[in-house]
C-alpha atoms as a PDB file:
ATOM      1  CA  UNK A   1     113.425 111.857  80.952  1.00  0.00           C
ATOM      2  CA  UNK A   2     112.564 114.170  78.101  1.00  0.00           C
ATOM      3  CA  UNK A   3     115.153 115.706  75.829  1.00  0.00           C
ATOM      4  CA  UNK A   4     115.677 119.481  75.745  1.00  0.00           C
ATOM      5  CA  UNK A   5     114.215 121.265  72.718  1.00  0.00           C
ATOM      6  CA  UNK A   6     116.569 123.037  70.322  1.00  0.00           C
ATOM      7  CA  UNK A   7     117.116 126.727  70.836  1.00  0.00           C
ATOM      8  CA  UNK A   8     115.388 127.428  67.527  1.00  0.00           C
ATOM      9  CA  UNK A   9     112.742 124.711  66.924  1.00  0.00           C
ATOM     10  CA  UNK A  10     112.343 125.731  63.313  1.00  0.00           C
ATOM     11  CA  UNK A  11     115.967 124.713  62.742  1.00  0.00           C
ATOM     12  CA  UNK A  12     117.217 128.133  61.546  1.00  0.00           C
ATOM     13  CA  UNK A  13     120.065 128.472  64.046  1.00  0.00           C
ATOM     14  CA  UNK A  14     123.362 126.807  63.365  1.00  0.00           C
ATOM     15  CA  UNK A  15     124.583 123.910  65.528  1.00  0.00           C
ATOM     16  CA  UNK A  16     127.266 124.845  67.979  1.00  0.00           C
ATOM     17  CA  UNK A  17     130.426 125.892  66.243  1.00  0.00           C
ATOM     18  CA  UNK A  18     132.139 122.998  68.043  1.00  0.00           C
ATOM     19  CA  UNK A  19     130.272 120.506  65.847  1.00  0.00           C
ATOM     20  CA  UNK A  20     132.305 121.115  62.699  1.00  0.00           C
ATOM     21  CA  UNK A  21     135.790 120.648  64.219  1.00  0.00           C
ATOM     22  CA  UNK A  22     134.604 117.631  66.170  1.00  0.00           C
ATOM     23  CA  UNK A  23     133.148 116.067  63.020  1.00  0.00           C
ATOM     24  CA  UNK A  24     136.378 116.816  61.173  1.00  0.00           C
ATOM     25  CA  UNK A  25     138.273 115.192  64.043  1.00  0.00           C
ATOM     26  CA  UNK A  26     135.893 112.252  64.213  1.00  0.00           C
ATOM     27  CA  UNK A  27     136.357 111.330  60.564  1.00  0.00           C
ATOM     28  CA  UNK A  28     140.123 110.781  60.901  1.00  0.00           C
ATOM     29  CA  UNK A  29     139.468 108.770  64.067  1.00  0.00           C
ATOM     30  CA  UNK A  30     137.035 106.586  62.137  1.00  0.00           C
ATOM     31  CA  UNK A  31     139.590 106.143  59.346  1.00  0.00           C
ATOM     32  CA  UNK A  32     142.219 105.085  61.915  1.00  0.00           C
ATOM     33  CA  UNK A  33     139.766 102.593  63.407  1.00  0.00           C
ATOM     34  CA  UNK A  34     139.088 101.181  59.941  1.00  0.00           C
ATOM     35  CA  UNK A  35     142.824 100.751  59.338  1.00  0.00           C
ATOM     36  CA  UNK A  36     143.180  99.102  62.754  1.00  0.00           C
ATOM     37  CA  UNK A  37     140.294  96.783  61.900  1.00  0.00           C
ATOM     38  CA  UNK A  38     142.056  95.776  58.690  1.00  0.00           C
ATOM     39  CA  UNK A  39     145.345  95.118  60.491  1.00  0.00           C
ATOM     40  CA  UNK A  40     144.270  93.507  63.784  1.00  0.00           C
ATOM     41  CA  UNK A  41     143.028  89.949  64.072  1.00  0.00           C
ATOM     42  CA  UNK A  42     144.028  86.365  64.681  1.00  0.00           C
ATOM     43  CA  UNK A  43     146.672  86.951  62.034  1.00  0.00           C
ATOM     44  CA  UNK A  44     148.155  90.451  62.398  1.00  0.00           C
ATOM     45  CA  UNK A  45     148.852  92.277  59.156  1.00  0.00           C
ATOM     46  CA  UNK A  46     151.473  95.069  59.080  1.00  0.00           C
ATOM     47  CA  UNK A  47     149.984  98.435  58.221  1.00  0.00           C
ATOM     48  CA  UNK A  48     152.191  98.743  55.142  1.00  0.00           C
ATOM     49  CA  UNK A  49     150.759  95.468  53.826  1.00  0.00           C
ATOM     50  CA  UNK A  50     147.246  96.724  54.532  1.00  0.00           C
ATOM     51  CA  UNK A  51     147.904  99.794  52.401  1.00  0.00           C
ATOM     52  CA  UNK A  52     149.449  97.669  49.664  1.00  0.00           C
ATOM     53  CA  UNK A  53     146.471  95.307  49.703  1.00  0.00           C
ATOM     54  CA  UNK A  54     144.173  98.289  49.154  1.00  0.00           C
ATOM     55  CA  UNK A  55     146.251 100.062  46.520  1.00  0.00           C
ATOM     56  CA  UNK A  56     148.323  97.326  44.822  1.00  0.00           C
ATOM     57  CA  UNK A  57     146.494  94.057  45.394  1.00  0.00           C
ATOM     58  CA  UNK A  58     148.558  90.901  44.817  1.00  0.00           C
ATOM     59  CA  UNK A  59     146.394  87.733  44.577  1.00  0.00           C
ATOM     60  CA  UNK A  60     149.445  85.610  45.365  1.00  0.00           C
ATOM     61  CA  UNK A  61     150.018  87.331  48.719  1.00  0.00           C
ATOM     62  CA  UNK A  62     148.022  85.603  51.440  1.00  0.00           C
ATOM     63  CA  UNK A  63     148.108  88.720  53.636  1.00  0.00           C
ATOM     64  CA  UNK A  64     146.469  90.684  50.843  1.00  0.00           C
ATOM     65  CA  UNK A  65     143.788  88.018  50.554  1.00  0.00           C
ATOM     66  CA  UNK A  66     143.090  88.208  54.287  1.00  0.00           C
ATOM     67  CA  UNK A  67     142.652  91.976  54.063  1.00  0.00           C
ATOM     68  CA  UNK A  68     140.608  92.110  50.862  1.00  0.00           C
ATOM     69  CA  UNK A  69     138.455  89.016  51.235  1.00  0.00           C
ATOM     70  CA  UNK A  70     137.858  88.906  54.986  1.00  0.00           C
ATOM     71  CA  UNK A  71     138.553  92.180  56.741  1.00  0.00           C
ATOM     72  CA  UNK A  72     137.359  94.743  54.212  1.00  0.00           C
ATOM     73  CA  UNK A  73     133.781  93.365  54.195  1.00  0.00           C
ATOM     74  CA  UNK A  74     133.846  93.002  57.979  1.00  0.00           C
ATOM     75  CA  UNK A  75     135.065  96.568  58.536  1.00  0.00           C
ATOM     76  CA  UNK A  76     132.560  97.948  56.047  1.00  0.00           C
ATOM     77  CA  UNK A  77     129.740  96.074  57.769  1.00  0.00           C
ATOM     78  CA  UNK A  78     130.790  97.295  61.233  1.00  0.00           C
ATOM     79  CA  UNK A  79     131.002 100.886  60.001  1.00  0.00           C
ATOM     80  CA  UNK A  80     127.674 100.938  58.163  1.00  0.00           C
ATOM     81  CA  UNK A  81     125.740  98.943  60.771  1.00  0.00           C
ATOM     82  CA  UNK A  82     127.092 101.115  63.592  1.00  0.00           C
ATOM     83  CA  UNK A  83     126.198 104.283  61.686  1.00  0.00           C
ATOM     84  CA  UNK A  84     122.700 102.938  61.032  1.00  0.00           C
ATOM     85  CA  UNK A  85     122.134 102.067  64.695  1.00  0.00           C
ATOM     86  CA  UNK A  86     123.431 105.467  65.828  1.00  0.00           C
ATOM     87  CA  UNK A  87     121.121 107.251  63.394  1.00  0.00           C
ATOM     88  CA  UNK A  88     118.131 105.073  64.305  1.00  0.00           C
ATOM     89  CA  UNK A  89     118.641 105.791  67.998  1.00  0.00           C
ATOM     90  CA  UNK A  90     118.943 109.533  67.365  1.00  0.00           C
ATOM     91  CA  UNK A  91     115.729 109.588  65.318  1.00  0.00           C
ATOM     92  CA  UNK A  92     113.841 107.596  67.948  1.00  0.00           C
ATOM     93  CA  UNK A  93     115.037 109.856  70.755  1.00  0.00           C
ATOM     94  CA  UNK A  94     114.102 112.954  68.771  1.00  0.00           C
ATOM     95  CA  UNK A  95     110.663 111.856  67.623  1.00  0.00           C
ATOM     96  CA  UNK A  96     109.620 110.521  71.057  1.00  0.00           C
ATOM     97  CA  UNK A  97     111.491 113.227  73.021  1.00  0.00           C
ATOM     98  CA  UNK A  98     112.746 110.380  75.182  1.00  0.00           C
ATOM     99  CA  UNK A  99     116.368 110.012  76.325  1.00  0.00           C
ATOM    100  CA  UNK A 100     115.999 106.210  76.692  1.00  0.00           C
ATOM    101  CA  UNK A 101     114.683 105.539  73.192  1.00  0.00           C
ATOM    102  CA  UNK A 102     116.917 103.083  71.324  1.00  0.00           C
ATOM    103  CA  UNK A 103     116.172 100.269  68.840  1.00  0.00           C
ATOM    104  CA  UNK A 104     117.336  97.570  71.275  1.00  0.00           C
ATOM    105  CA  UNK A 105     115.494  98.916  74.325  1.00  0.00           C
ATOM    106  CA  UNK A 106     112.262  99.608  72.457  1.00  0.00           C
ATOM    107  CA  UNK A 107     111.841  96.196  70.892  1.00  0.00           C
ATOM    108  CA  UNK A 108     112.829  97.042  67.313  1.00  0.00           C
ATOM    109  CA  UNK A 109     115.829  94.705  67.343  1.00  0.00           C
ATOM    110  CA  UNK A 110     113.788  91.950  68.989  1.00  0.00           C
ATOM    111  CA  UNK A 111     111.127  92.264  66.292  1.00  0.00           C
ATOM    112  CA  UNK A 112     113.711  92.075  63.525  1.00  0.00           C
ATOM    113  CA  UNK A 113     115.367  89.077  65.213  1.00  0.00           C
ATOM    114  CA  UNK A 114     112.097  87.180  65.487  1.00  0.00           C
ATOM    115  CA  UNK A 115     111.251  87.875  61.856  1.00  0.00           C
ATOM    116  CA  UNK A 116     114.693  86.696  60.699  1.00  0.00           C
ATOM    117  CA  UNK A 117     114.454  83.481  62.717  1.00  0.00           C
ATOM    118  CA  UNK A 118     110.948  82.884  61.423  1.00  0.00           C
ATOM    119  CA  UNK A 119     112.144  83.343  57.852  1.00  0.00           C
ATOM    120  CA  UNK A 120     115.036  80.940  58.402  1.00  0.00           C
ATOM    121  CA  UNK A 121     112.847  78.329  60.086  1.00  0.00           C
ATOM    122  CA  UNK A 122     109.675  78.493  57.999  1.00  0.00           C
ATOM    123  CA  UNK A 123     111.178  79.200  54.582  1.00  0.00           C
ATOM    124  CA  UNK A 124     114.678  77.761  54.944  1.00  0.00           C
ATOM    125  CA  UNK A 125     116.374  81.125  54.366  1.00  0.00           C
ATOM    126  CA  UNK A 126     119.983  81.018  55.560  1.00  0.00           C
ATOM    127  CA  UNK A 127     121.411  83.864  53.470  1.00  0.00           C
ATOM    128  CA  UNK A 128     121.212  87.478  54.571  1.00  0.00           C
ATOM    129  CA  UNK A 129     120.474  88.359  50.950  1.00  0.00           C
ATOM    130  CA  UNK A 130     117.114  86.672  51.509  1.00  0.00           C
ATOM    131  CA  UNK A 131     116.176  87.185  55.161  1.00  0.00           C
ATOM    132  CA  UNK A 132     117.101  90.883  55.229  1.00  0.00           C
ATOM    133  CA  UNK A 133     113.569  91.632  54.048  1.00  0.00           C
ATOM    134  CA  UNK A 134     112.194  89.819  57.077  1.00  0.00           C
ATOM    135  CA  UNK A 135     114.431  91.988  59.239  1.00  0.00           C
ATOM    136  CA  UNK A 136     112.954  95.121  57.682  1.00  0.00           C
ATOM    137  CA  UNK A 137     109.414  93.891  58.240  1.00  0.00           C
ATOM    138  CA  UNK A 138     109.988  92.754  61.818  1.00  0.00           C
ATOM    139  CA  UNK A 139     111.696  96.020  62.793  1.00  0.00           C
ATOM    140  CA  UNK A 140     108.883  98.070  61.314  1.00  0.00           C
ATOM    141  CA  UNK A 141     106.075  96.099  62.935  1.00  0.00           C
ATOM    142  CA  UNK A 142     107.795  96.099  66.343  1.00  0.00           C
ATOM    143  CA  UNK A 143     108.549  99.817  66.168  1.00  0.00           C
ATOM    144  CA  UNK A 144     104.977 100.752  65.321  1.00  0.00           C
ATOM    145  CA  UNK A 145     103.654  98.398  68.022  1.00  0.00           C
ATOM    146  CA  UNK A 146     105.862  99.941  70.719  1.00  0.00           C
ATOM    147  CA  UNK A 147     104.961 103.470  69.683  1.00  0.00           C
ATOM    148  CA  UNK A 148     101.251 102.649  69.807  1.00  0.00           C
ATOM    149  CA  UNK A 149     101.386 100.622  73.038  1.00  0.00           C
ATOM    150  CA  UNK A 150     103.444 103.308  74.721  1.00  0.00           C
ATOM    151  CA  UNK A 151     101.194 106.049  73.326  1.00  0.00           C
ATOM    152  CA  UNK A 152     104.349 107.806  72.173  1.00  0.00           C
ATOM    153  CA  UNK A 153     102.391 109.846  69.641  1.00  0.00           C
ATOM    154  CA  UNK A 154     100.620 111.599  72.546  1.00  0.00           C
ATOM    155  CA  UNK A 155     103.028 111.081  75.470  1.00  0.00           C
ATOM    156  CA  UNK A 156     106.519 110.911  73.974  1.00  0.00           C
ATOM    157  CA  UNK A 157     107.888 112.724  77.019  1.00  0.00           C
ATOM    158  CA  UNK A 158     106.761 109.893  79.318  1.00  0.00           C
ATOM    159  CA  UNK A 159     109.761 107.540  79.240  1.00  0.00           C
ATOM    160  CA  UNK A 160     108.414 105.020  81.739  1.00  0.00           C
ATOM    161  CA  UNK A 161     105.408 104.086  79.598  1.00  0.00           C
ATOM    162  CA  UNK A 162     107.470 103.811  76.430  1.00  0.00           C
ATOM    163  CA  UNK A 163     110.290 101.782  78.013  1.00  0.00           C
ATOM    164  CA  UNK A 164     107.800  99.427  79.669  1.00  0.00           C
ATOM    165  CA  UNK A 165     106.058  98.896  76.330  1.00  0.00           C
ATOM    166  CA  UNK A 166     109.402  98.173  74.673  1.00  0.00           C
ATOM    167  CA  UNK A 167     110.492  95.848  77.468  1.00  0.00           C
ATOM    168  CA  UNK A 168     107.218  93.931  77.354  1.00  0.00           C
ATOM    169  CA  UNK A 169     107.342  93.550  73.593  1.00  0.00           C
ATOM    170  CA  UNK A 170     111.012  92.515  73.728  1.00  0.00           C
ATOM    171  CA  UNK A 171     110.208  89.786  76.265  1.00  0.00           C
ATOM    172  CA  UNK A 172     107.317  88.559  74.117  1.00  0.00           C
ATOM    173  CA  UNK A 173     109.400  88.570  70.946  1.00  0.00           C
ATOM    174  CA  UNK A 174     112.325  86.909  72.733  1.00  0.00           C
ATOM    175  CA  UNK A 175     110.080  84.114  73.999  1.00  0.00           C
ATOM    176  CA  UNK A 176     108.641  83.581  70.526  1.00  0.00           C
ATOM    177  CA  UNK A 177     112.131  83.551  69.022  1.00  0.00           C
ATOM    178  CA  UNK A 178     113.330  80.978  71.570  1.00  0.00           C
ATOM    179  CA  UNK A 179     110.286  78.793  70.871  1.00  0.00           C
ATOM    180  CA  UNK A 180     110.952  78.843  67.134  1.00  0.00           C
ATOM    181  CA  UNK A 181     114.649  78.058  67.604  1.00  0.00           C
ATOM    182  CA  UNK A 182     113.993  75.136  69.954  1.00  0.00           C
ATOM    183  CA  UNK A 183     111.712  73.570  67.368  1.00  0.00           C
ATOM    184  CA  UNK A 184     113.821  74.386  64.308  1.00  0.00           C
ATOM    185  CA  UNK A 185     116.447  72.376  62.477  1.00  0.00           C
ATOM    186  CA  UNK A 186     120.053  72.358  63.647  1.00  0.00           C
ATOM    187  CA  UNK A 187     121.053  74.536  60.694  1.00  0.00           C
ATOM    188  CA  UNK A 188     118.791  77.314  61.971  1.00  0.00           C
ATOM    189  CA  UNK A 189     120.223  76.936  65.472  1.00  0.00           C
ATOM    190  CA  UNK A 190     123.798  77.218  64.179  1.00  0.00           C
ATOM    191  CA  UNK A 191     122.883  80.278  62.135  1.00  0.00           C
ATOM    192  CA  UNK A 192     121.177  81.983  65.058  1.00  0.00           C
ATOM    193  CA  UNK A 193     124.000  81.183  67.509  1.00  0.00           C
ATOM    194  CA  UNK A 194     126.475  83.107  65.374  1.00  0.00           C
ATOM    195  CA  UNK A 195     124.092  85.813  64.197  1.00  0.00           C
ATOM    196  CA  UNK A 196     122.344  86.384  67.533  1.00  0.00           C
ATOM    197  CA  UNK A 197     125.586  87.228  69.335  1.00  0.00           C
ATOM    198  CA  UNK A 198     126.342  90.084  66.967  1.00  0.00           C
ATOM    199  CA  UNK A 199     129.385  88.468  65.389  1.00  0.00           C
ATOM    200  CA  UNK A 200     130.533  90.294  62.255  1.00  0.00           C
ATOM    201  CA  UNK A 201     132.977  87.830  60.756  1.00  0.00           C
ATOM    202  CA  UNK A 202     132.127  85.846  57.657  1.00  0.00           C
ATOM    203  CA  UNK A 203     129.216  87.982  56.460  1.00  0.00           C
ATOM    204  CA  UNK A 204     130.746  88.674  53.058  1.00  0.00           C
ATOM    205  CA  UNK A 205     130.849  91.699  50.787  1.00  0.00           C
ATOM    206  CA  UNK A 206     127.277  91.325  49.401  1.00  0.00           C
ATOM    207  CA  UNK A 207     125.873  91.656  52.938  1.00  0.00           C
ATOM    208  CA  UNK A 208     127.972  94.769  53.571  1.00  0.00           C
ATOM    209  CA  UNK A 209     126.794  96.296  50.290  1.00  0.00           C
ATOM    210  CA  UNK A 210     123.135  95.721  51.154  1.00  0.00           C
ATOM    211  CA  UNK A 211     123.757  97.307  54.539  1.00  0.00           C
ATOM    212  CA  UNK A 212     125.398 100.266  52.802  1.00  0.00           C
ATOM    213  CA  UNK A 213     122.400 100.780  50.511  1.00  0.00           C
ATOM    214  CA  UNK A 214     120.004 100.636  53.461  1.00  0.00           C
ATOM    215  CA  UNK A 215     122.147 103.215  55.267  1.00  0.00           C
ATOM    216  CA  UNK A 216     122.054 105.546  52.267  1.00  0.00           C
ATOM    217  CA  UNK A 217     118.264 105.300  51.952  1.00  0.00           C
ATOM    218  CA  UNK A 218     117.369 105.355  55.639  1.00  0.00           C
ATOM    219  CA  UNK A 219     120.106 107.827  56.544  1.00  0.00           C
ATOM    220  CA  UNK A 220     119.127 110.205  53.770  1.00  0.00           C
ATOM    221  CA  UNK A 221     115.520 110.145  54.942  1.00  0.00           C
ATOM    222  CA  UNK A 222     116.550 110.684  58.573  1.00  0.00           C
ATOM    223  CA  UNK A 223     118.785 113.653  57.734  1.00  0.00           C
ATOM    224  CA  UNK A 224     116.019 115.181  55.622  1.00  0.00           C
ATOM    225  CA  UNK A 225     113.753 115.127  58.698  1.00  0.00           C
ATOM    226  CA  UNK A 226     116.209 116.991  60.967  1.00  0.00           C
ATOM    227  CA  UNK A 227     114.525 120.399  60.765  1.00  0.00           C
ATOM    228  CA  UNK A 228     111.040 118.961  61.226  1.00  0.00           C
ATOM    229  CA  UNK A 229     112.253 117.006  64.244  1.00  0.00           C
ATOM    230  CA  UNK A 230     113.566 120.271  65.678  1.00  0.00           C
ATOM    231  CA  UNK A 231     110.125 121.819  65.305  1.00  0.00           C
ATOM    232  CA  UNK A 232     108.426 118.752  66.767  1.00  0.00           C
ATOM    233  CA  UNK A 233     110.665 118.903  69.840  1.00  0.00           C
ATOM    234  CA  UNK A 234     108.349 121.460  71.476  1.00  0.00           C
ATOM    235  CA  UNK A 235     105.321 119.198  71.112  1.00  0.00           C
ATOM    236  CA  UNK A 236     102.682 118.468  68.496  1.00  0.00           C
ATOM    237  CA  UNK A 237     100.795 121.737  68.942  1.00  0.00           C
ATOM    238  CA  UNK A 238     103.916 123.870  68.631  1.00  0.00           C
ATOM    239  CA  UNK A 239     104.992 121.782  65.668  1.00  0.00           C
ATOM    240  CA  UNK A 240     101.715 122.381  63.880  1.00  0.00           C
ATOM    241  CA  UNK A 241     102.045 126.100  64.541  1.00  0.00           C
ATOM    242  CA  UNK A 242     105.432 125.964  62.797  1.00  0.00           C
ATOM    243  CA  UNK A 243     103.930 124.201  59.789  1.00  0.00           C
ATOM    244  CA  UNK A 244     104.924 120.627  60.658  1.00  0.00           C
ATOM    245  CA  UNK A 245     102.514 117.711  60.292  1.00  0.00           C
ATOM    246  CA  UNK A 246     103.247 115.404  63.265  1.00  0.00           C
ATOM    247  CA  UNK A 247     101.571 112.350  61.724  1.00  0.00           C
ATOM    248  CA  UNK A 248     103.687 112.673  58.594  1.00  0.00           C
ATOM    249  CA  UNK A 249     106.891 113.069  60.611  1.00  0.00           C
ATOM    250  CA  UNK A 250     105.984 110.045  62.737  1.00  0.00           C
ATOM    251  CA  UNK A 251     105.355 107.917  59.641  1.00  0.00           C
ATOM    252  CA  UNK A 252     108.571 108.963  57.892  1.00  0.00           C
ATOM    253  CA  UNK A 253     110.577 108.530  61.104  1.00  0.00           C
ATOM    254  CA  UNK A 254     109.214 104.997  61.521  1.00  0.00           C
ATOM    255  CA  UNK A 255     110.189 104.240  57.929  1.00  0.00           C
ATOM    256  CA  UNK A 256     113.724 105.546  58.500  1.00  0.00           C
ATOM    257  CA  UNK A 257     114.113 103.504  61.711  1.00  0.00           C
ATOM    258  CA  UNK A 258     112.720 100.423  59.960  1.00  0.00           C
ATOM    259  CA  UNK A 259     115.300 100.730  57.181  1.00  0.00           C
ATOM    260  CA  UNK A 260     118.223 101.500  59.483  1.00  0.00           C
ATOM    261  CA  UNK A 261     117.570  99.204  62.450  1.00  0.00           C
ATOM    262  CA  UNK A 262     116.050  96.430  60.338  1.00  0.00           C
ATOM    263  CA  UNK A 263     119.035  96.254  58.008  1.00  0.00           C
ATOM    264  CA  UNK A 264     121.576  96.513  60.833  1.00  0.00           C
ATOM    265  CA  UNK A 265     119.866  93.751  62.810  1.00  0.00           C
ATOM    266  CA  UNK A 266     119.479  91.476  59.804  1.00  0.00           C
ATOM    267  CA  UNK A 267     123.112  92.001  58.753  1.00  0.00           C
ATOM    268  CA  UNK A 268     124.935  92.069  62.092  1.00  0.00           C
ATOM    269  CA  UNK A 269     122.507  90.604  64.623  1.00  0.00           C
ATOM    270  CA  UNK A 270     120.555  92.248  67.462  1.00  0.00           C
ATOM    271  CA  UNK A 271     123.269  94.623  68.711  1.00  0.00           C
ATOM    272  CA  UNK A 272     122.171  96.758  71.639  1.00  0.00           C
ATOM    273  CA  UNK A 273     123.210 100.064  73.223  1.00  0.00           C
ATOM    274  CA  UNK A 274     125.004 101.529  70.177  1.00  0.00           C
ATOM    275  CA  UNK A 275     121.835 103.426  69.321  1.00  0.00           C
ATOM    276  CA  UNK A 276     121.654 104.708  72.908  1.00  0.00           C
ATOM    277  CA  UNK A 277     125.277 105.739  73.405  1.00  0.00           C
ATOM    278  CA  UNK A 278     125.962 107.500  70.099  1.00  0.00           C
ATOM    279  CA  UNK A 279     123.129 110.102  70.208  1.00  0.00           C
ATOM    280  CA  UNK A 280     123.952 111.082  73.799  1.00  0.00           C
ATOM    281  CA  UNK A 281     127.606 111.596  72.948  1.00  0.00           C
ATOM    282  CA  UNK A 282     126.619 113.585  69.862  1.00  0.00           C
ATOM    283  CA  UNK A 283     124.158 115.729  71.805  1.00  0.00           C
ATOM    284  CA  UNK A 284     126.814 116.512  74.399  1.00  0.00           C
ATOM    285  CA  UNK A 285     128.901 118.024  71.580  1.00  0.00           C
ATOM    286  CA  UNK A 286     126.350 119.697  69.306  1.00  0.00           C
ATOM    287  CA  UNK A 287     123.512 120.545  71.683  1.00  0.00           C
ATOM    288  CA  UNK A 288     119.928 119.518  70.876  1.00  0.00           C
ATOM    289  CA  UNK A 289     119.915 120.687  67.228  1.00  0.00           C
ATOM    290  CA  UNK A 290     119.139 117.535  65.255  1.00  0.00           C
ATOM    291  CA  UNK A 291     120.953 118.859  62.189  1.00  0.00           C
ATOM    292  CA  UNK A 292     124.140 118.290  64.146  1.00  0.00           C
ATOM    293  CA  UNK A 293     123.014 115.375  66.323  1.00  0.00           C
ATOM    294  CA  UNK A 294     121.946 113.071  63.478  1.00  0.00           C
ATOM    295  CA  UNK A 295     125.140 113.075  61.353  1.00  0.00           C
ATOM    296  CA  UNK A 296     127.392 113.011  64.407  1.00  0.00           C
ATOM    297  CA  UNK A 297     125.381 110.093  65.846  1.00  0.00           C
ATOM    298  CA  UNK A 298     126.047 108.147  62.653  1.00  0.00           C
ATOM    299  CA  UNK A 299     129.757 108.918  62.872  1.00  0.00           C
ATOM    300  CA  UNK A 300     129.998 107.983  66.546  1.00  0.00           C
ATOM    301  CA  UNK A 301     127.848 104.864  66.127  1.00  0.00           C
ATOM    302  CA  UNK A 302     130.190 103.620  63.405  1.00  0.00           C
ATOM    303  CA  UNK A 303     133.204 104.306  65.620  1.00  0.00           C
ATOM    304  CA  UNK A 304     131.658 102.581  68.659  1.00  0.00           C
ATOM    305  CA  UNK A 305     130.735  99.372  66.831  1.00  0.00           C
ATOM    306  CA  UNK A 306     134.036  99.274  64.964  1.00  0.00           C
ATOM    307  CA  UNK A 307     135.934  99.731  68.233  1.00  0.00           C
ATOM    308  CA  UNK A 308     133.815  96.992  69.860  1.00  0.00           C
ATOM    309  CA  UNK A 309     134.668  94.625  67.008  1.00  0.00           C
ATOM    310  CA  UNK A 310     138.396  95.389  67.332  1.00  0.00           C
ATOM    311  CA  UNK A 311     138.319  94.910  71.123  1.00  0.00           C
ATOM    312  CA  UNK A 312     136.535  91.584  70.657  1.00  0.00           C
ATOM    313  CA  UNK A 313     139.423  90.310  68.552  1.00  0.00           C
ATOM    314  CA  UNK A 314     142.153  91.044  71.098  1.00  0.00           C
ATOM    315  CA  UNK A 315     140.640  90.293  74.531  1.00  0.00           C
ATOM    316  CA  UNK A 316     140.709  86.499  74.233  1.00  0.00           C
ATOM    317  CA  UNK A 317     143.174  85.417  71.520  1.00  0.00           C
ATOM    318  CA  UNK A 318     143.164  83.273  69.488  1.00  0.00           C
ATOM    319  CA  UNK A 319     139.375  83.227  69.936  1.00  0.00           C
ATOM    320  CA  UNK A 320     137.115  86.242  69.434  1.00  0.00           C
ATOM    321  CA  UNK A 321     134.324  87.859  71.424  1.00  0.00           C
ATOM    322  CA  UNK A 322     131.400  88.968  69.265  1.00  0.00           C
ATOM    323  CA  UNK A 323     131.087  92.706  68.701  1.00  0.00           C
ATOM    324  CA  UNK A 324     127.514  92.619  69.987  1.00  0.00           C
ATOM    325  CA  UNK A 325     128.696  91.194  73.318  1.00  0.00           C
ATOM    326  CA  UNK A 326     131.410  93.838  73.667  1.00  0.00           C
ATOM    327  CA  UNK A 327     128.905  96.584  72.787  1.00  0.00           C
ATOM    328  CA  UNK A 328     126.592  95.427  75.568  1.00  0.00           C
ATOM    329  CA  UNK A 329     129.465  95.324  78.084  1.00  0.00           C
ATOM    330  CA  UNK A 330     130.471  98.852  77.129  1.00  0.00           C
ATOM    331  CA  UNK A 331     126.931 100.187  76.816  1.00  0.00           C
ATOM    332  CA  UNK A 332     125.484  98.739  80.022  1.00  0.00           C
ATOM    333  CA  UNK A 333     127.271 101.137  82.382  1.00  0.00           C
ATOM    334  CA  UNK A 334     126.409 104.023  80.072  1.00  0.00           C
ATOM    335  CA  UNK A 335     122.723 103.097  80.231  1.00  0.00           C
ATOM    336  CA  UNK A 336     122.877 103.060  84.040  1.00  0.00           C
ATOM    337  CA  UNK A 337     124.462 106.508  83.945  1.00  0.00           C
ATOM    338  CA  UNK A 338     121.679 107.821  81.674  1.00  0.00           C
ATOM    339  CA  UNK A 339     118.994 106.476  84.005  1.00  0.00           C
ATOM    340  CA  UNK A 340     120.683 108.106  87.016  1.00  0.00           C
ATOM    341  CA  UNK A 341     121.471 111.331  85.158  1.00  0.00           C
ATOM    342  CA  UNK A 342     117.917 112.107  84.033  1.00  0.00           C
ATOM    343  CA  UNK A 343     114.811 112.196  86.204  1.00  0.00           C
ATOM    344  CA  UNK A 344     112.183 109.638  85.215  1.00  0.00           C
ATOM    345  CA  UNK A 345     108.720 111.053  84.743  1.00  0.00           C
ATOM    346  CA  UNK A 346     105.850 109.540  86.716  1.00  0.00           C
ATOM    347  CA  UNK A 347     103.009 107.683  85.063  1.00  0.00           C
END
């Protein structure tokens, strides 16, 4: 289930001319989704009041308080976490040349989740401002472990080995996480119940700002690697012939995924399938050129998670369904389609 190499592995050719209009169309769609996220909820807010809350805030207007204090941080978190997951999935698929690579499927989210729970249980950390660093560490360790166990540095085009390594590590991390939770205090259990479902409400503006900074750092690094990932798409030997150092690209890619997936998991919970869906949709538009795939994956990932959060608010009023649950429901059929669409390589 390997990905096709770009037409020009050195990255000199332009992405398909369709990429620019689609990106220009996607940005207004994302803006509309953000406005819908600010207006839709257990207490609907008219769009005119949303605009007034953003441009002429009145502290005495309770609708303005709902928008500014509750929904702006939530929408910002959904947008940045979705963009980070989309970018992380695109980088993982590019560097492993594997159409199934995704932070959730390859154990990165499970590693970040276990580290966060461990930090909350062992050190009493209940604020994302504190346990985000555990999320970074857990995502990085899990990502490196899966890459090494799956021998992705030498067999990135073998999806079965890599997916099995990720599945095995995810099961191991999930069992360890469950063990810690069962033996932790009730406060840790309450925190994990809300966080583990991928619920975005109540995170607060500081959490969204940390997520934004992680997206800037990790996303900037990922976009800077686009041309080298194009060259690496033909294999390590071809990459070396084009002047690329595979070990360096692997290390920097792991760092980018650690920043992006670790922050998104720590901030929003272990949300799956966003990192799988967004790169495939982007690649269908731009072709295999990572200079187009990576930014469009971020845009589509933000839109997917934001849409999942909005859907979760309206399917079971007055209660809500966590965005992570909706993302799995939407992403599951897409994953089945990907498995049926591409031929799995034999071990």
